[in-house]
Protein backbone atom coordinates (compact mmCIF):
# COMPACT_ATOMS: atom_id res chain seq x y z
CA UNK A 1 0.00 0.00 0.00
CA UNK A 2 1.17 3.52 -0.78
CA UNK A 3 2.47 5.60 2.14
CA UNK A 4 0.29 8.58 1.19
CA UNK A 5 -2.82 6.40 1.27
CA UNK A 6 -1.90 5.14 4.75
CA UNK A 7 -1.31 8.70 5.95
CA UNK A 8 -4.62 9.87 4.44
CA UNK A 9 -6.47 7.07 6.24
CA UNK A 10 -4.72 7.97 9.50
CA UNK A 11 -5.67 11.65 9.09
CA UNK A 12 -9.32 10.75 8.53
CA UNK A 13 -9.24 8.45 11.56
CA UNK A 14 -7.68 11.12 13.80
CA UNK A 15 -10.21 13.74 12.72
CA UNK A 16 -13.09 11.33 13.36
CA UNK A 17 -11.71 10.73 16.85
CA UNK A 18 -11.48 14.50 17.33
CA UNK A 19 -15.14 14.82 16.37
CA UNK A 20 -16.19 12.09 18.81
CA UNK A 21 -14.20 13.55 21.73
CA UNK A 22 -14.88 17.25 21.15
CA UNK A 23 -17.47 17.58 23.94
CA UNK A 24 -16.22 15.03 26.45
CA UNK A 25 -12.44 15.57 26.17
CA UNK A 26 -11.68 18.85 24.36
CA UNK A 27 -7.93 18.71 25.10
CA UNK A 28 -7.70 15.24 23.59
CA UNK A 29 -9.69 16.41 20.58
CA UNK A 30 -7.31 19.33 20.05
CA UNK A 31 -4.37 16.96 20.19
CA UNK A 32 -5.93 14.70 17.52
CA UNK A 33 -6.41 17.68 15.21
CA UNK A 34 -2.85 18.83 15.86
CA UNK A 35 -1.48 15.37 15.01
CA UNK A 36 -3.55 15.20 11.82
CA UNK A 37 -2.22 18.59 10.69
CA UNK A 38 1.33 17.56 11.50
CA UNK A 39 0.94 14.36 9.46
CA UNK A 40 -0.50 16.24 6.50
CA UNK A 41 2.37 18.73 6.41
CA UNK A 42 5.09 16.14 6.97
CA UNK A 43 3.90 13.80 4.20
CA UNK A 44 2.41 16.46 1.88
CA UNK A 45 -1.10 14.96 1.98
CA UNK A 46 -4.18 17.15 1.75
CA UNK A 47 -6.82 17.04 4.42
CA UNK A 48 -10.21 16.02 2.95
CA UNK A 49 -12.49 18.98 2.24
CA UNK A 50 -15.28 17.83 4.57
CA UNK A 51 -12.83 17.97 7.50
CA UNK A 52 -10.82 21.00 6.38
CA UNK A 53 -13.46 23.52 7.40
CA UNK A 54 -14.45 21.82 10.65
CA UNK A 55 -11.68 22.89 13.03
CA UNK A 56 -9.78 26.02 14.04
CA UNK A 57 -6.30 26.30 12.60
CA UNK A 58 -5.20 28.54 15.48
CA UNK A 59 -6.29 26.67 18.64
CA UNK A 60 -6.95 23.26 16.97
CA UNK A 61 -10.42 22.87 18.50
CA UNK A 62 -12.94 20.81 16.55
CA UNK A 63 -16.00 22.97 15.88
CA UNK A 64 -19.42 22.08 17.23
CA UNK A 65 -21.86 24.90 16.35
CA UNK A 66 -23.53 26.26 19.46
CA UNK A 67 -21.06 24.56 21.79
CA UNK A 68 -17.66 26.06 21.06
CA UNK A 69 -18.27 28.13 17.93
CA UNK A 70 -20.78 30.81 16.96
CA UNK A 71 -22.10 30.76 13.42
CA UNK A 72 -23.39 33.84 11.60
CA UNK A 73 -24.79 33.80 8.09
CA UNK A 74 -24.69 36.95 5.97
CA UNK A 75 -27.19 36.33 3.18
CA UNK A 76 -26.43 39.59 1.42
CA UNK A 77 -22.73 38.89 0.89
CA UNK A 78 -23.11 35.06 1.01
CA UNK A 79 -20.57 34.64 3.79
CA UNK A 80 -20.62 32.31 6.80
CA UNK A 81 -18.62 33.57 9.79
CA UNK A 82 -17.43 31.15 12.46
CA UNK A 83 -16.30 32.76 15.73
CA UNK A 84 -14.19 30.22 17.61
CA UNK A 85 -13.85 29.88 21.37
CA UNK A 86 -10.34 31.34 21.09
CA UNK A 87 -11.79 34.55 19.63
CA UNK A 88 -10.60 34.15 16.06
CA UNK A 89 -13.03 34.55 13.19
CA UNK A 90 -13.03 32.40 10.08
CA UNK A 91 -15.04 33.49 7.07
CA UNK A 92 -16.15 31.19 4.28
CA UNK A 93 -18.04 32.03 1.12
CA UNK A 94 -20.95 29.85 0.20
CA UNK A 95 -22.80 29.37 -3.02
CA UNK A 96 -26.31 28.16 -3.50
CA UNK A 97 -26.68 24.96 -5.52
CA UNK A 98 -28.12 25.24 -9.01
CA UNK A 99 -30.55 22.43 -8.18
CA UNK A 100 -32.01 24.50 -5.34
CA UNK A 101 -32.32 27.51 -7.66
CA UNK A 102 -34.20 25.49 -10.25
CA UNK A 103 -36.48 23.97 -7.60
CA UNK A 104 -37.30 27.42 -6.18
CA UNK A 105 -38.00 28.85 -9.63
CA UNK A 106 -40.37 25.98 -10.43
CA UNK A 107 -42.33 26.65 -7.24
CA UNK A 108 -43.02 30.24 -8.32
C-alpha atoms as a PDB file:
ATOM      1  CA  UNK A   1       0.000   0.000   0.000  1.00  0.00           C
ATOM      2  CA  UNK A   2       1.167   3.516  -0.778  1.00  0.00           C
ATOM      3  CA  UNK A   3       2.468   5.601   2.138  1.00  0.00           C
ATOM      4  CA  UNK A   4       0.289   8.579   1.188  1.00  0.00           C
ATOM      5  CA  UNK A   5      -2.823   6.396   1.269  1.00  0.00           C
ATOM      6  CA  UNK A   6      -1.901   5.144   4.747  1.00  0.00           C
ATOM      7  CA  UNK A   7      -1.306   8.700   5.945  1.00  0.00           C
ATOM      8  CA  UNK A   8      -4.623   9.870   4.439  1.00  0.00           C
ATOM      9  CA  UNK A   9      -6.471   7.066   6.242  1.00  0.00           C
ATOM     10  CA  UNK A  10      -4.717   7.969   9.496  1.00  0.00           C
ATOM     11  CA  UNK A  11      -5.666  11.651   9.087  1.00  0.00           C
ATOM     12  CA  UNK A  12      -9.315  10.747   8.531  1.00  0.00           C
ATOM     13  CA  UNK A  13      -9.240   8.448  11.557  1.00  0.00           C
ATOM     14  CA  UNK A  14      -7.679  11.117  13.797  1.00  0.00           C
ATOM     15  CA  UNK A  15     -10.210  13.738  12.717  1.00  0.00           C
ATOM     16  CA  UNK A  16     -13.089  11.329  13.362  1.00  0.00           C
ATOM     17  CA  UNK A  17     -11.705  10.731  16.850  1.00  0.00           C
ATOM     18  CA  UNK A  18     -11.476  14.498  17.334  1.00  0.00           C
ATOM     19  CA  UNK A  19     -15.142  14.823  16.374  1.00  0.00           C
ATOM     20  CA  UNK A  20     -16.193  12.092  18.813  1.00  0.00           C
ATOM     21  CA  UNK A  21     -14.198  13.548  21.732  1.00  0.00           C
ATOM     22  CA  UNK A  22     -14.877  17.251  21.147  1.00  0.00           C
ATOM     23  CA  UNK A  23     -17.469  17.575  23.939  1.00  0.00           C
ATOM     24  CA  UNK A  24     -16.221  15.026  26.450  1.00  0.00           C
ATOM     25  CA  UNK A  25     -12.441  15.566  26.165  1.00  0.00           C
ATOM     26  CA  UNK A  26     -11.684  18.853  24.365  1.00  0.00           C
ATOM     27  CA  UNK A  27      -7.932  18.709  25.097  1.00  0.00           C
ATOM     28  CA  UNK A  28      -7.696  15.241  23.589  1.00  0.00           C
ATOM     29  CA  UNK A  29      -9.693  16.409  20.584  1.00  0.00           C
ATOM     30  CA  UNK A  30      -7.314  19.328  20.051  1.00  0.00           C
ATOM     31  CA  UNK A  31      -4.373  16.960  20.191  1.00  0.00           C
ATOM     32  CA  UNK A  32      -5.928  14.701  17.522  1.00  0.00           C
ATOM     33  CA  UNK A  33      -6.411  17.682  15.209  1.00  0.00           C
ATOM     34  CA  UNK A  34      -2.850  18.827  15.857  1.00  0.00           C
ATOM     35  CA  UNK A  35      -1.484  15.370  15.012  1.00  0.00           C
ATOM     36  CA  UNK A  36      -3.551  15.201  11.821  1.00  0.00           C
ATOM     37  CA  UNK A  37      -2.222  18.593  10.688  1.00  0.00           C
ATOM     38  CA  UNK A  38       1.331  17.561  11.498  1.00  0.00           C
ATOM     39  CA  UNK A  39       0.942  14.360   9.456  1.00  0.00           C
ATOM     40  CA  UNK A  40      -0.497  16.239   6.497  1.00  0.00           C
ATOM     41  CA  UNK A  41       2.372  18.729   6.405  1.00  0.00           C
ATOM     42  CA  UNK A  42       5.088  16.139   6.967  1.00  0.00           C
ATOM     43  CA  UNK A  43       3.902  13.797   4.195  1.00  0.00           C
ATOM     44  CA  UNK A  44       2.405  16.460   1.879  1.00  0.00           C
ATOM     45  CA  UNK A  45      -1.097  14.959   1.983  1.00  0.00           C
ATOM     46  CA  UNK A  46      -4.179  17.151   1.747  1.00  0.00           C
ATOM     47  CA  UNK A  47      -6.823  17.042   4.423  1.00  0.00           C
ATOM     48  CA  UNK A  48     -10.209  16.023   2.955  1.00  0.00           C
ATOM     49  CA  UNK A  49     -12.492  18.981   2.239  1.00  0.00           C
ATOM     50  CA  UNK A  50     -15.277  17.826   4.567  1.00  0.00           C
ATOM     51  CA  UNK A  51     -12.825  17.971   7.497  1.00  0.00           C
ATOM     52  CA  UNK A  52     -10.822  20.996   6.376  1.00  0.00           C
ATOM     53  CA  UNK A  53     -13.459  23.521   7.400  1.00  0.00           C
ATOM     54  CA  UNK A  54     -14.446  21.825  10.646  1.00  0.00           C
ATOM     55  CA  UNK A  55     -11.681  22.894  13.028  1.00  0.00           C
ATOM     56  CA  UNK A  56      -9.785  26.015  14.041  1.00  0.00           C
ATOM     57  CA  UNK A  57      -6.303  26.296  12.598  1.00  0.00           C
ATOM     58  CA  UNK A  58      -5.201  28.543  15.478  1.00  0.00           C
ATOM     59  CA  UNK A  59      -6.291  26.673  18.635  1.00  0.00           C
ATOM     60  CA  UNK A  60      -6.954  23.259  16.967  1.00  0.00           C
ATOM     61  CA  UNK A  61     -10.416  22.868  18.496  1.00  0.00           C
ATOM     62  CA  UNK A  62     -12.944  20.808  16.554  1.00  0.00           C
ATOM     63  CA  UNK A  63     -16.005  22.970  15.875  1.00  0.00           C
ATOM     64  CA  UNK A  64     -19.423  22.078  17.231  1.00  0.00           C
ATOM     65  CA  UNK A  65     -21.860  24.895  16.349  1.00  0.00           C
ATOM     66  CA  UNK A  66     -23.534  26.264  19.459  1.00  0.00           C
ATOM     67  CA  UNK A  67     -21.061  24.557  21.785  1.00  0.00           C
ATOM     68  CA  UNK A  68     -17.656  26.056  21.061  1.00  0.00           C
ATOM     69  CA  UNK A  69     -18.267  28.128  17.933  1.00  0.00           C
ATOM     70  CA  UNK A  70     -20.781  30.810  16.963  1.00  0.00           C
ATOM     71  CA  UNK A  71     -22.100  30.759  13.416  1.00  0.00           C
ATOM     72  CA  UNK A  72     -23.386  33.842  11.604  1.00  0.00           C
ATOM     73  CA  UNK A  73     -24.791  33.801   8.088  1.00  0.00           C
ATOM     74  CA  UNK A  74     -24.685  36.945   5.974  1.00  0.00           C
ATOM     75  CA  UNK A  75     -27.186  36.328   3.181  1.00  0.00           C
ATOM     76  CA  UNK A  76     -26.435  39.588   1.420  1.00  0.00           C
ATOM     77  CA  UNK A  77     -22.730  38.889   0.894  1.00  0.00           C
ATOM     78  CA  UNK A  78     -23.108  35.064   1.011  1.00  0.00           C
ATOM     79  CA  UNK A  79     -20.573  34.638   3.789  1.00  0.00           C
ATOM     80  CA  UNK A  80     -20.620  32.311   6.797  1.00  0.00           C
ATOM     81  CA  UNK A  81     -18.621  33.566   9.793  1.00  0.00           C
ATOM     82  CA  UNK A  82     -17.426  31.150  12.458  1.00  0.00           C
ATOM     83  CA  UNK A  83     -16.303  32.762  15.725  1.00  0.00           C
ATOM     84  CA  UNK A  84     -14.187  30.224  17.608  1.00  0.00           C
ATOM     85  CA  UNK A  85     -13.854  29.884  21.368  1.00  0.00           C
ATOM     86  CA  UNK A  86     -10.337  31.340  21.092  1.00  0.00           C
ATOM     87  CA  UNK A  87     -11.791  34.550  19.633  1.00  0.00           C
ATOM     88  CA  UNK A  88     -10.600  34.148  16.061  1.00  0.00           C
ATOM     89  CA  UNK A  89     -13.026  34.549  13.193  1.00  0.00           C
ATOM     90  CA  UNK A  90     -13.031  32.402  10.083  1.00  0.00           C
ATOM     91  CA  UNK A  91     -15.039  33.489   7.070  1.00  0.00           C
ATOM     92  CA  UNK A  92     -16.149  31.187   4.278  1.00  0.00           C
ATOM     93  CA  UNK A  93     -18.043  32.034   1.124  1.00  0.00           C
ATOM     94  CA  UNK A  94     -20.947  29.846   0.201  1.00  0.00           C
ATOM     95  CA  UNK A  95     -22.802  29.374  -3.020  1.00  0.00           C
ATOM     96  CA  UNK A  96     -26.314  28.158  -3.496  1.00  0.00           C
ATOM     97  CA  UNK A  97     -26.681  24.957  -5.520  1.00  0.00           C
ATOM     98  CA  UNK A  98     -28.121  25.239  -9.014  1.00  0.00           C
ATOM     99  CA  UNK A  99     -30.554  22.429  -8.181  1.00  0.00           C
ATOM    100  CA  UNK A 100     -32.008  24.497  -5.345  1.00  0.00           C
ATOM    101  CA  UNK A 101     -32.318  27.514  -7.656  1.00  0.00           C
ATOM    102  CA  UNK A 102     -34.195  25.493 -10.253  1.00  0.00           C
ATOM    103  CA  UNK A 103     -36.483  23.972  -7.603  1.00  0.00           C
ATOM    104  CA  UNK A 104     -37.299  27.417  -6.176  1.00  0.00           C
ATOM    105  CA  UNK A 105     -37.995  28.854  -9.634  1.00  0.00           C
ATOM    106  CA  UNK A 106     -40.371  25.985 -10.428  1.00  0.00           C
ATOM    107  CA  UNK A 107     -42.329  26.652  -7.238  1.00  0.00           C
ATOM    108  CA  UNK A 108     -43.023  30.235  -8.316  1.00  0.00           C
END
